[in-house]
């Protein structure tokens, strides 16, 4: 080969050796660089044809190889790109990336020497290709070592992070335990204080209720006694006035009868005597029949008060049994309230106080109505007894009049006596009719009182059922919040759903309101 061809070849190979490295990836994923395009074959259009003209021939000179800076490979590892390699890594990288110097084969003539053979350039290319393979192997070992170091650093970092996290969790767990214990102690102290306050308030309310009940009972008793005294005085005055009027009427009638008897003639007396005897026999027969009927009526009226007394006694016994049953229910509710107050703290004290006041007023109103009904029944019994006494007195008066007529008919048989007898009989009939009307009135009032008592019993039964329902609601309310009040973060004094109910929800002290 002539010198121009060799120079052109090396000029053409100089740029690929310096900048024409193409990165490749091996099996491990490492990026390596390989030389650029190969040498063009002889006869290629890119190669100038040989010439042996002496004017264009230049003297032969040794071709200059590319320097280490021109042949330096661009690093592709993360450490090489970021510039965070240590000095040992930089030295190893430079050592691995450096291209060994070209060795001249033994027995090969120099460039300036005579007789340069064509296989010398091929040997030089072979030696350069072997150096690039060594660089690839060194780069693979270097990247593998870097990956191992990174894995080791990652493992150390994660181990240290896990240790720090475990240490932090231990400290946080101890702090949470201390906080939970402190909250539990505070909750227990708060609960004990709430229980003490609740017991004090409950005792105070019971004392107030007992005192007010005693005062109300004394006041009702005094009012009842005063009303009874006024009624008795008024009845006594009315009976005295009526007795005085009857006495005056009887005296006037007797005076008129005596005056008429003096003015009558003997003939009229005889005729009147005969007529009087006949009329007296008839009146006597009718009187006997009337007396028999009156006795039967008296027996009936006497049996009616006894039946009325028996009904009244049975009603009183039933009232006492209902009252004892109500007291037993109240005692059970009181015990349940005391037991519940030791376990559950209620946060609805103002609402429950108002409801308790309403129930207390309703109970007082019911007691007053029952007392009024009892007093009214007693007054009706007294009126019945008074009317019965008046009936007996009227019968005695009639009997006395009949006896007086029978004793005086031989001397004073006239029409005036018959008229007086008829008037007495009419008065007796009138009094009997009045007595029957009063009896019917008493029976009507008794039916009204029975209806009122039945309504009162129904109201008491409804209140008892309502108390049972409220007791069940209290039991459910006690079972429901007891699952959450044991937590250290549970709130106190806040009412729960159930007050949803009116029912809710809200019924842990209603049992005390009826006591």
Protein backbone atom coordinates (compact mmCIF):
# COMPACT_ATOMS: atom_id res chain seq x y z
CA UNK A 1 0.00 0.00 0.00
CA UNK A 2 1.19 3.52 -0.73
CA UNK A 3 1.43 6.15 2.00
CA UNK A 4 -1.58 8.15 0.82
CA UNK A 5 -3.88 5.17 1.15
CA UNK A 6 -2.65 4.41 4.69
CA UNK A 7 -3.05 8.03 5.78
CA UNK A 8 -6.56 8.22 4.35
CA UNK A 9 -7.49 5.00 6.15
CA UNK A 10 -6.27 6.20 9.53
CA UNK A 11 -7.88 9.59 9.05
CA UNK A 12 -11.12 7.80 8.33
CA UNK A 13 -10.68 5.51 11.42
CA UNK A 14 -9.66 8.28 13.78
CA UNK A 15 -13.16 9.74 14.31
CA UNK A 16 -14.97 6.44 14.94
CA UNK A 17 -12.33 5.45 17.52
CA UNK A 18 -12.81 8.73 19.39
CA UNK A 19 -16.51 9.50 19.11
CA UNK A 20 -18.24 6.63 17.34
CA UNK A 21 -18.83 4.32 20.34
CA UNK A 22 -22.29 2.78 20.27
CA UNK A 23 -23.68 1.70 23.73
CA UNK A 24 -24.80 -1.89 24.04
CA UNK A 25 -26.53 -3.92 26.80
CA UNK A 26 -25.36 -7.34 27.96
CA UNK A 27 -27.34 -9.95 29.81
CA UNK A 28 -27.02 -8.09 33.14
CA UNK A 29 -28.41 -4.85 31.71
CA UNK A 30 -25.02 -3.04 31.77
CA UNK A 31 -24.44 -0.54 29.05
CA UNK A 32 -21.16 -0.90 27.06
CA UNK A 33 -19.75 0.86 24.05
CA UNK A 34 -18.58 -0.73 20.83
CA UNK A 35 -16.69 0.81 17.99
CA UNK A 36 -18.50 2.45 15.10
CA UNK A 37 -18.63 1.24 11.52
CA UNK A 38 -16.04 -1.20 10.21
CA UNK A 39 -13.45 -0.47 7.65
CA UNK A 40 -14.80 -0.25 4.15
CA UNK A 41 -13.72 -3.06 1.89
CA UNK A 42 -11.23 -2.52 -0.87
CA UNK A 43 -12.84 -1.33 -4.05
CA UNK A 44 -15.50 0.68 -2.16
CA UNK A 45 -16.46 3.99 -3.74
CA UNK A 46 -15.37 5.77 -0.53
CA UNK A 47 -11.75 4.66 -1.04
CA UNK A 48 -9.69 6.65 -3.49
CA UNK A 49 -8.07 4.63 -6.23
CA UNK A 50 -4.35 4.02 -5.82
CA UNK A 51 -1.96 6.18 -7.70
CA UNK A 52 1.78 5.88 -8.24
CA UNK A 53 2.35 9.37 -9.45
CA UNK A 54 5.49 10.71 -7.83
CA UNK A 55 4.15 14.31 -7.56
CA UNK A 56 1.22 13.26 -5.41
CA UNK A 57 3.10 10.76 -3.28
CA UNK A 58 4.01 11.95 0.24
CA UNK A 59 6.57 10.42 2.50
CA UNK A 60 5.44 7.62 4.85
CA UNK A 61 4.93 8.58 8.50
CA UNK A 62 3.74 6.68 11.59
CA UNK A 63 -0.06 7.04 12.14
CA UNK A 64 -0.99 8.60 15.48
CA UNK A 65 -3.35 6.61 17.69
CA UNK A 66 -6.22 8.29 19.50
CA UNK A 67 -5.40 9.58 22.95
CA UNK A 68 -7.01 8.33 26.18
CA UNK A 69 -9.17 11.47 26.40
CA UNK A 70 -10.50 10.89 22.86
CA UNK A 71 -11.17 7.20 23.60
CA UNK A 72 -12.77 7.80 27.04
CA UNK A 73 -16.21 6.20 27.32
CA UNK A 74 -19.21 8.14 28.55
CA UNK A 75 -20.29 6.52 31.85
CA UNK A 76 -23.88 5.34 32.02
CA UNK A 77 -24.16 4.30 35.67
CA UNK A 78 -26.21 6.49 38.09
CA UNK A 79 -23.11 7.24 40.17
CA UNK A 80 -21.12 8.31 37.13
CA UNK A 81 -23.97 10.53 35.85
CA UNK A 82 -24.67 12.23 39.19
CA UNK A 83 -20.99 12.73 40.02
CA UNK A 84 -21.28 11.15 43.52
CA UNK A 85 -18.55 8.48 43.03
CA UNK A 86 -15.89 8.15 45.64
CA UNK A 87 -12.20 8.48 44.81
CA UNK A 88 -11.77 4.71 44.70
CA UNK A 89 -14.69 4.42 42.28
CA UNK A 90 -13.21 7.20 40.11
CA UNK A 91 -9.84 5.43 40.00
CA UNK A 92 -11.43 2.10 39.16
CA UNK A 93 -13.60 3.74 36.53
CA UNK A 94 -10.61 5.44 34.90
CA UNK A 95 -8.61 2.24 35.10
CA UNK A 96 -11.42 0.23 33.55
CA UNK A 97 -12.22 2.86 30.91
CA UNK A 98 -8.57 3.40 29.87
CA UNK A 99 -7.59 1.74 26.60
CA UNK A 100 -4.34 -0.16 26.77
CA UNK A 101 -1.57 1.02 24.52
CA UNK A 102 -1.17 -0.63 21.26
CA UNK A 103 1.54 -3.24 21.25
CA UNK A 104 3.63 -3.63 18.17
CA UNK A 105 3.83 -7.27 17.07
CA UNK A 106 7.19 -8.89 17.24
CA UNK A 107 8.96 -9.09 13.91
CA UNK A 108 6.84 -6.36 12.38
CA UNK A 109 8.90 -3.75 10.52
CA UNK A 110 8.54 -0.12 11.47
CA UNK A 111 6.51 2.35 9.49
CA UNK A 112 9.49 4.05 8.09
CA UNK A 113 11.28 0.83 7.39
CA UNK A 114 11.38 -0.76 4.03
CA UNK A 115 9.17 -3.69 3.12
CA UNK A 116 5.90 -2.89 5.12
CA UNK A 117 3.51 -5.79 4.67
CA UNK A 118 -0.27 -5.51 4.28
CA UNK A 119 -1.16 -7.73 7.31
CA UNK A 120 0.42 -5.28 9.77
CA UNK A 121 -2.71 -3.02 9.80
CA UNK A 122 -5.01 -6.00 10.27
CA UNK A 123 -3.01 -7.13 13.32
CA UNK A 124 -3.27 -3.67 14.78
CA UNK A 125 -7.08 -3.63 14.35
CA UNK A 126 -7.32 -7.07 16.00
CA UNK A 127 -5.36 -5.87 19.03
CA UNK A 128 -7.65 -2.79 19.39
CA UNK A 129 -10.76 -4.96 19.21
CA UNK A 130 -9.45 -7.21 22.03
CA UNK A 131 -8.90 -4.13 24.24
CA UNK A 132 -12.51 -3.04 23.78
CA UNK A 133 -13.74 -6.47 24.91
CA UNK A 134 -11.61 -6.18 28.03
CA UNK A 135 -13.16 -2.78 28.67
CA UNK A 136 -16.63 -4.27 28.31
CA UNK A 137 -15.82 -7.04 30.81
CA UNK A 138 -14.33 -4.56 33.27
CA UNK A 139 -17.36 -2.29 32.94
CA UNK A 140 -19.68 -5.22 33.56
CA UNK A 141 -17.76 -6.15 36.72
CA UNK A 142 -17.80 -2.50 37.80
CA UNK A 143 -21.57 -2.13 37.31
CA UNK A 144 -22.13 -5.45 39.09
CA UNK A 145 -20.11 -4.25 42.08
CA UNK A 146 -22.01 -0.96 42.14
CA UNK A 147 -25.34 -2.84 42.13
CA UNK A 148 -24.17 -5.06 45.01
CA UNK A 149 -23.05 -1.99 46.97
CA UNK A 150 -26.41 -0.32 46.29
CA UNK A 151 -28.30 -3.43 47.44
CA UNK A 152 -26.19 -3.58 50.60
CA UNK A 153 -26.81 0.13 51.26
CA UNK A 154 -30.53 -0.37 50.64
CA UNK A 155 -30.65 -3.27 53.10
CA UNK A 156 -28.77 -1.27 55.76
CA UNK A 157 -31.05 1.71 55.21
CA UNK A 158 -34.25 -0.34 55.50
CA UNK A 159 -32.93 -2.17 58.58
CA UNK A 160 -32.09 1.15 60.27
CA UNK A 161 -35.49 2.55 59.28
CA UNK A 162 -37.28 -0.49 60.74
CA UNK A 163 -35.30 -0.18 63.98
CA UNK A 164 -36.14 3.53 64.24
CA UNK A 165 -39.79 2.83 63.52
CA UNK A 166 -39.95 0.05 66.13
CA UNK A 167 -38.29 2.35 68.69
CA UNK A 168 -40.75 5.17 67.89
CA UNK A 169 -43.72 2.80 68.10
CA UNK A 170 -42.56 1.54 71.49
CA UNK A 171 -42.30 5.07 72.86
CA UNK A 172 -45.69 6.02 71.39
CA UNK A 173 -47.32 2.88 72.79
CA UNK A 174 -46.03 3.62 76.30
CA UNK A 175 -47.33 7.19 76.01
CA UNK A 176 -50.73 5.95 74.85
CA UNK A 177 -50.91 3.48 77.72
CA UNK A 178 -50.09 6.22 80.22
CA UNK A 179 -52.67 8.51 78.60
CA UNK A 180 -55.34 5.78 78.70
CA UNK A 181 -54.61 5.06 82.37
CA UNK A 182 -54.84 8.76 83.19
CA UNK A 183 -58.13 9.11 81.32
CA UNK A 184 -59.51 6.02 83.05
CA UNK A 185 -58.60 7.40 86.46
CA UNK A 186 -60.15 10.76 85.58
CA UNK A 187 -63.31 9.00 84.35
CA UNK A 188 -63.57 6.98 87.57
CA UNK A 189 -63.12 10.11 89.70
CA UNK A 190 -65.70 11.97 87.64
CA UNK A 191 -68.12 9.05 87.87
CA UNK A 192 -67.75 8.79 91.65
CA UNK A 193 -68.30 12.53 92.01
CA UNK A 194 -71.37 12.37 89.79
CA UNK A 195 -72.75 9.47 91.82
CA UNK A 196 -72.26 11.37 95.09
CA UNK A 197 -74.00 14.45 93.70
CA UNK A 198 -76.83 12.32 92.34
CA UNK A 199 -77.33 10.62 95.71
CA UNK A 200 -77.43 13.99 97.48
CA UNK A 201 -79.94 15.41 94.99
CA UNK A 202 -82.06 12.26 95.21
CA UNK A 203 -82.14 12.42 99.02
CA UNK A 204 -83.06 16.10 98.92
CA UNK A 205 -85.86 15.49 96.41
CA UNK A 206 -87.27 12.64 98.47
CA UNK A 207 -87.28 14.79 101.61
CA UNK A 208 -88.96 17.66 99.74
CA UNK A 209 -91.55 15.32 98.26
CA UNK A 210 -92.33 13.73 101.63
CA UNK A 211 -92.62 17.11 103.32
CA UNK A 212 -94.86 18.52 100.58
CA UNK A 213 -97.01 15.38 100.66
CA UNK A 214 -97.48 15.69 104.44
CA UNK A 215 -98.36 19.37 104.14
CA UNK A 216 -100.82 18.68 101.32
CA UNK A 217 -102.44 15.80 103.20
CA UNK A 218 -102.86 17.95 106.32
CA UNK A 219 -104.32 20.77 104.25
CA UNK A 220 -106.77 18.45 102.48
CA UNK A 221 -107.82 16.94 105.83
CA UNK A 222 -108.43 20.36 107.34
CA UNK A 223 -110.44 21.50 104.32
CA UNK A 224 -112.53 18.32 104.41
CA UNK A 225 -113.26 18.73 108.12
CA UNK A 226 -114.19 22.37 107.63
CA UNK A 227 -116.52 21.56 104.73
CA UNK A 228 -118.14 18.75 106.74
CA UNK A 229 -118.69 21.08 109.70
CA UNK A 230 -120.26 23.76 107.51
CA UNK A 231 -122.53 21.20 105.84
CA UNK A 232 -123.63 19.81 109.21
CA UNK A 233 -124.39 23.29 110.55
CA UNK A 234 -126.38 24.21 107.46
CA UNK A 235 -128.39 20.97 107.59
CA UNK A 236 -129.08 21.44 111.30
CA UNK A 237 -130.37 24.96 110.73
CA UNK A 238 -132.57 23.85 107.83
CA UNK A 239 -134.05 20.98 109.85
CA UNK A 240 -134.75 23.27 112.81
CA UNK A 241 -136.55 25.73 110.56
CA UNK A 242 -138.59 22.99 108.97
CA UNK A 243 -139.54 21.49 112.33
CA UNK A 244 -140.62 24.89 113.59
CA UNK A 245 -142.80 25.41 110.51
CA UNK A 246 -144.44 21.99 110.94
CA UNK A 247 -145.20 22.70 114.59
CA UNK A 248 -146.79 26.02 113.70
CA UNK A 249 -148.90 24.39 110.98
CA UNK A 250 -150.11 21.65 113.35
CA UNK A 251 -151.02 24.20 116.03
CA UNK A 252 -152.97 26.28 113.52
CA UNK A 253 -154.82 23.22 112.21
CA UNK A 254 -155.74 22.11 115.71
CA UNK A 255 -157.12 25.56 116.54
CA UNK A 256 -159.19 25.62 113.37
CA UNK A 257 -160.51 22.14 114.06
CA UNK A 258 -161.61 23.08 117.58
CA UNK A 259 -163.34 26.21 116.32
CA UNK A 260 -165.24 24.26 113.68
CA UNK A 261 -166.26 21.61 116.17
CA UNK A 262 -167.76 24.26 118.47
CA UNK A 263 -169.84 25.85 115.69
CA UNK A 264 -171.27 22.63 114.26
CA UNK A 265 -174.69 21.48 115.21
CA UNK A 266 -175.68 18.25 116.81
CA UNK A 267 -177.48 17.01 113.70
CA UNK A 268 -174.52 17.64 111.64
CA UNK A 269 -172.48 15.85 114.24
CA UNK A 270 -174.68 12.75 114.01
CA UNK A 271 -174.59 12.69 110.23
CA UNK A 272 -170.92 13.39 110.30
CA UNK A 273 -170.44 10.67 112.88
CA UNK A 274 -172.12 8.08 110.67
CA UNK A 275 -170.26 9.27 107.63
CA UNK A 276 -167.10 9.48 109.64
CA UNK A 277 -167.44 5.93 110.84
CA UNK A 278 -167.90 4.70 107.30
CA UNK A 279 -165.07 6.83 106.01
CA UNK A 280 -162.93 5.89 108.97
CA UNK A 281 -163.39 2.22 108.25
CA UNK A 282 -162.42 2.83 104.67
CA UNK A 283 -159.50 5.01 105.71
CA UNK A 284 -158.46 2.43 108.26
CA UNK A 285 -158.46 -0.29 105.65
CA UNK A 286 -156.58 1.91 103.22
CA UNK A 287 -154.23 3.02 105.99
CA UNK A 288 -153.49 -0.54 106.94
CA UNK A 289 -152.76 -1.37 103.31
CA UNK A 290 -150.69 1.79 102.97
CA UNK A 291 -148.80 0.99 106.16
CA UNK A 292 -148.07 -2.50 104.89
CA UNK A 293 -146.83 -1.04 101.63
CA UNK A 294 -144.84 1.56 103.57
CA UNK A 295 -143.30 -1.14 105.73
CA UNK A 296 -142.27 -3.04 102.61
CA UNK A 297 -140.86 0.19 101.20
CA UNK A 298 -139.04 0.83 104.47
CA UNK A 299 -137.64 -2.68 104.43
CA UNK A 300 -136.56 -2.13 100.84
CA UNK A 301 -135.09 1.26 101.63
CA UNK A 302 -133.41 -0.20 104.70
CA UNK A 303 -131.93 -2.97 102.59
CA UNK A 304 -130.75 -0.49 99.97
CA UNK A 305 -128.39 1.34 102.34
CA UNK A 306 -127.03 -2.00 103.51
CA UNK A 307 -126.42 -3.01 99.90
CA UNK A 308 -124.98 0.44 99.27
CA UNK A 309 -122.74 0.03 102.33
CA UNK A 310 -121.58 -3.33 101.08
CA UNK A 311 -120.80 -1.86 97.65
CA UNK A 312 -119.04 1.05 99.31
CA UNK A 313 -117.00 -1.31 101.50
CA UNK A 314 -116.06 -3.42 98.48
CA UNK A 315 -115.07 -0.26 96.59
CA UNK A 316 -112.98 0.88 99.52
CA UNK A 317 -111.31 -2.53 99.75
CA UNK A 318 -110.57 -2.39 96.04
CA UNK A 319 -109.16 1.13 96.40
CA UNK A 320 -106.97 -0.04 99.28
CA UNK A 321 -105.77 -3.04 97.26
CA UNK A 322 -104.97 -0.79 94.29
CA UNK A 323 -103.19 1.62 96.61
CA UNK A 324 -101.15 -1.22 98.15
CA UNK A 325 -100.32 -2.52 94.68
CA UNK A 326 -99.27 0.99 93.62
CA UNK A 327 -97.12 1.29 96.76
CA UNK A 328 -95.46 -2.06 95.99
CA UNK A 329 -94.78 -0.94 92.41
CA UNK A 330 -93.40 2.36 93.69
CA UNK A 331 -91.19 0.51 96.19
CA UNK A 332 -89.86 -1.75 93.43
CA UNK A 333 -89.25 1.25 91.20
CA UNK A 334 -87.54 3.04 94.10
CA UNK A 335 -85.23 0.05 94.67
CA UNK A 336 -84.54 -0.17 90.95
CA UNK A 337 -83.84 3.57 90.86
CA UNK A 338 -81.39 3.30 93.75
CA UNK A 339 -79.70 0.35 92.08
CA UNK A 340 -79.55 2.13 88.73
CA UNK A 341 -78.24 5.33 90.28
CA UNK A 342 -75.21 3.42 91.55
CA UNK A 343 -74.31 2.33 88.02
CA UNK A 344 -75.62 4.88 85.53
CA UNK A 345 -75.26 8.64 85.61
CA UNK A 346 -78.07 10.50 83.92
CA UNK A 347 -77.42 13.73 82.07
CA UNK A 348 -81.11 14.69 81.74
CA UNK A 349 -81.61 16.03 85.29
CA UNK A 350 -83.43 19.31 84.32
CA UNK A 351 -85.83 17.52 81.96
CA UNK A 352 -86.45 14.77 84.48
CA UNK A 353 -87.05 17.34 87.22
CA UNK A 354 -89.75 19.00 85.13
CA UNK A 355 -91.35 15.66 84.32
CA UNK A 356 -91.21 14.69 87.97
CA UNK A 357 -92.94 17.93 88.96
CA UNK A 358 -95.69 17.28 86.36
CA UNK A 359 -96.21 13.72 87.58
CA UNK A 360 -96.26 14.91 91.19
CA UNK A 361 -98.95 17.51 90.41
CA UNK A 362 -101.00 14.91 88.52
CA UNK A 363 -100.75 12.54 91.49
CA UNK A 364 -101.85 15.28 93.90
CA UNK A 365 -104.78 16.14 91.64
CA UNK A 366 -105.80 12.48 91.52
CA UNK A 367 -105.58 12.18 95.30
CA UNK A 368 -107.69 15.32 95.75
CA UNK A 369 -110.31 14.01 93.34
CA UNK A 370 -110.47 10.69 95.19
CA UNK A 371 -110.80 12.49 98.52
CA UNK A 372 -113.61 14.65 97.11
CA UNK A 373 -115.41 11.57 95.81
CA UNK A 374 -115.13 9.89 99.21
CA UNK A 375 -116.41 13.02 100.97
CA UNK A 376 -119.27 13.33 98.53
CA UNK A 377 -120.23 9.71 99.11
CA UNK A 378 -120.16 10.27 102.85
CA UNK A 379 -122.40 13.33 102.48
CA UNK A 380 -124.82 11.32 100.36
CA UNK A 381 -124.88 8.61 103.03
CA UNK A 382 -125.67 11.19 105.67
CA UNK A 383 -128.45 12.66 103.51
CA UNK A 384 -129.85 9.17 103.00
CA UNK A 385 -129.86 8.52 106.72
CA UNK A 386 -131.51 11.89 107.38
CA UNK A 387 -134.26 11.25 104.84
CA UNK A 388 -134.82 7.80 106.27
CA UNK A 389 -135.15 9.32 109.74
CA UNK A 390 -137.59 11.90 108.40
CA UNK A 391 -139.64 9.08 106.85
CA UNK A 392 -139.82 7.25 110.16
CA UNK A 393 -140.82 10.46 111.92
CA UNK A 394 -143.54 11.06 109.33
CA UNK A 395 -144.85 7.54 109.80
CA UNK A 396 -144.90 8.03 113.54
CA UNK A 397 -146.75 11.34 113.10
CA UNK A 398 -149.35 9.65 110.88
CA UNK A 399 -149.71 6.85 113.37
CA UNK A 400 -150.22 9.33 116.19
CA UNK A 401 -152.80 11.21 114.15
CA UNK A 402 -154.65 8.00 113.39
CA UNK A 403 -154.63 7.04 117.05
CA UNK A 404 -155.86 10.49 118.04
CA UNK A 405 -158.62 10.29 115.45
CA UNK A 406 -159.61 6.82 116.67
CA UNK A 407 -159.80 8.09 120.25
CA UNK A 408 -161.74 11.26 119.37
CA UNK A 409 -164.06 10.06 116.62
CA UNK A 410 -166.83 9.37 119.14
CA UNK A 411 -166.82 13.02 120.20
CA UNK A 412 -165.48 14.89 117.20
CA UNK A 413 -166.72 13.20 114.06
CA UNK A 414 -166.98 15.82 111.43
CA UNK A 415 -165.82 16.66 107.99
CA UNK A 416 -162.90 18.74 109.22
CA UNK A 417 -161.34 15.69 110.80
CA UNK A 418 -161.81 13.79 107.59
CA UNK A 419 -160.27 16.67 105.71
CA UNK A 420 -157.33 16.70 108.12
CA UNK A 421 -156.94 12.98 107.70
CA UNK A 422 -156.97 13.41 103.95
CA UNK A 423 -154.46 16.22 104.23
CA UNK A 424 -152.24 14.11 106.46
CA UNK A 425 -152.53 11.26 104.02
CA UNK A 426 -151.74 13.59 101.12
CA UNK A 427 -148.76 14.94 103.06
CA UNK A 428 -147.63 11.39 103.69
CA UNK A 429 -148.00 10.58 100.03
CA UNK A 430 -146.13 13.74 99.12
CA UNK A 431 -143.34 12.89 101.50
CA UNK A 432 -143.22 9.37 100.13
CA UNK A 433 -142.98 10.77 96.61
CA UNK A 434 -140.23 13.14 97.72
CA UNK A 435 -138.44 10.27 99.39
CA UNK A 436 -138.71 8.19 96.24
CA UNK A 437 -137.40 11.11 94.19
CA UNK A 438 -134.51 11.51 96.60
CA UNK A 439 -133.91 7.77 96.43
CA UNK A 440 -133.81 7.94 92.62
CA UNK A 441 -131.48 10.93 92.86
CA UNK A 442 -129.26 9.00 95.24
CA UNK A 443 -129.21 6.02 92.88
CA UNK A 444 -128.29 8.29 89.97
CA UNK A 445 -125.55 9.92 92.00
CA UNK A 446 -124.36 6.48 93.02
CA UNK A 447 -124.16 5.43 89.36
CA UNK A 448 -122.23 8.62 88.59
CA UNK A 449 -119.88 7.93 91.49
CA UNK A 450 -119.41 4.34 90.31
CA UNK A 451 -118.58 5.63 86.84
CA UNK A 452 -116.12 8.13 88.33
CA UNK A 453 -114.50 5.41 90.43
CA UNK A 454 -114.23 3.13 87.40
CA UNK A 455 -112.58 5.96 85.48
CA UNK A 456 -110.22 6.56 88.41
CA UNK A 457 -109.36 2.84 88.49
CA UNK A 458 -108.77 2.88 84.73
CA UNK A 459 -106.50 5.91 85.13
CA UNK A 460 -104.56 4.16 87.90
CA UNK A 461 -104.23 1.05 85.74
CA UNK A 462 -103.01 3.18 82.83
CA UNK A 463 -100.44 4.85 85.08
CA UNK A 464 -99.31 1.44 86.31
CA UNK A 465 -98.90 0.18 82.72
CA UNK A 466 -97.05 3.39 81.83
CA UNK A 467 -94.72 2.84 84.80
CA UNK A 468 -94.05 -0.71 83.63
CA UNK A 469 -93.28 0.55 80.11
CA UNK A 470 -90.96 3.20 81.52
CA UNK A 471 -89.25 0.57 83.65
CA UNK A 472 -88.62 -1.57 80.56
CA UNK A 473 -87.29 1.50 78.74
CA UNK A 474 -84.96 2.21 81.67
CA UNK A 475 -83.74 -1.40 81.60
CA UNK A 476 -83.02 -1.18 77.88
CA UNK A 477 -81.28 2.18 78.34
CA UNK A 478 -79.14 0.69 81.10
CA UNK A 479 -78.14 -2.25 78.94
CA UNK A 480 -77.32 -0.13 75.88
CA UNK A 481 -74.89 2.55 77.24
CA UNK A 482 -73.22 0.14 79.63
CA UNK A 483 -71.25 -1.29 76.66
CA UNK A 484 -69.69 2.08 75.78
CA UNK A 485 -69.22 3.75 79.18
CA UNK A 486 -66.30 1.45 80.00
CA UNK A 487 -64.10 2.96 77.23
CA UNK A 488 -61.42 5.41 78.45
CA UNK A 489 -62.47 8.01 75.84
CA UNK A 490 -66.21 7.78 76.60
CA UNK A 491 -67.98 11.04 77.31
CA UNK A 492 -70.05 11.57 80.44
CA UNK A 493 -73.12 13.63 80.97
CA UNK A 494 -74.28 13.42 77.33
CA UNK A 495 -77.67 11.77 76.77
CA UNK A 496 -77.96 8.95 74.18
CA UNK A 497 -81.24 7.75 71.41
CA UNK A 498 -83.22 6.54 73.11
CA UNK A 499 -84.50 9.95 74.09
CA UNK A 500 -85.67 9.48 70.96
CA UNK A 501 -87.19 8.65 72.11
CA UNK A 502 -89.41 10.20 74.85
CA UNK A 503 -89.32 7.61 75.77
CA UNK A 504 -86.48 7.97 74.91
CA UNK A 505 -85.11 7.96 75.48
CA UNK A 506 -85.32 10.03 79.14
CA UNK A 507 -86.73 7.76 81.74
CA UNK A 508 -84.15 6.83 84.31
CA UNK A 509 -85.70 8.96 87.17
CA UNK A 510 -89.41 8.80 86.29
CA UNK A 511 -89.85 6.05 88.83
CA UNK A 512 -89.02 8.51 91.61
CA UNK A 513 -91.63 10.99 90.43
CA UNK A 514 -94.49 8.72 91.44
CA UNK A 515 -93.04 7.99 94.88
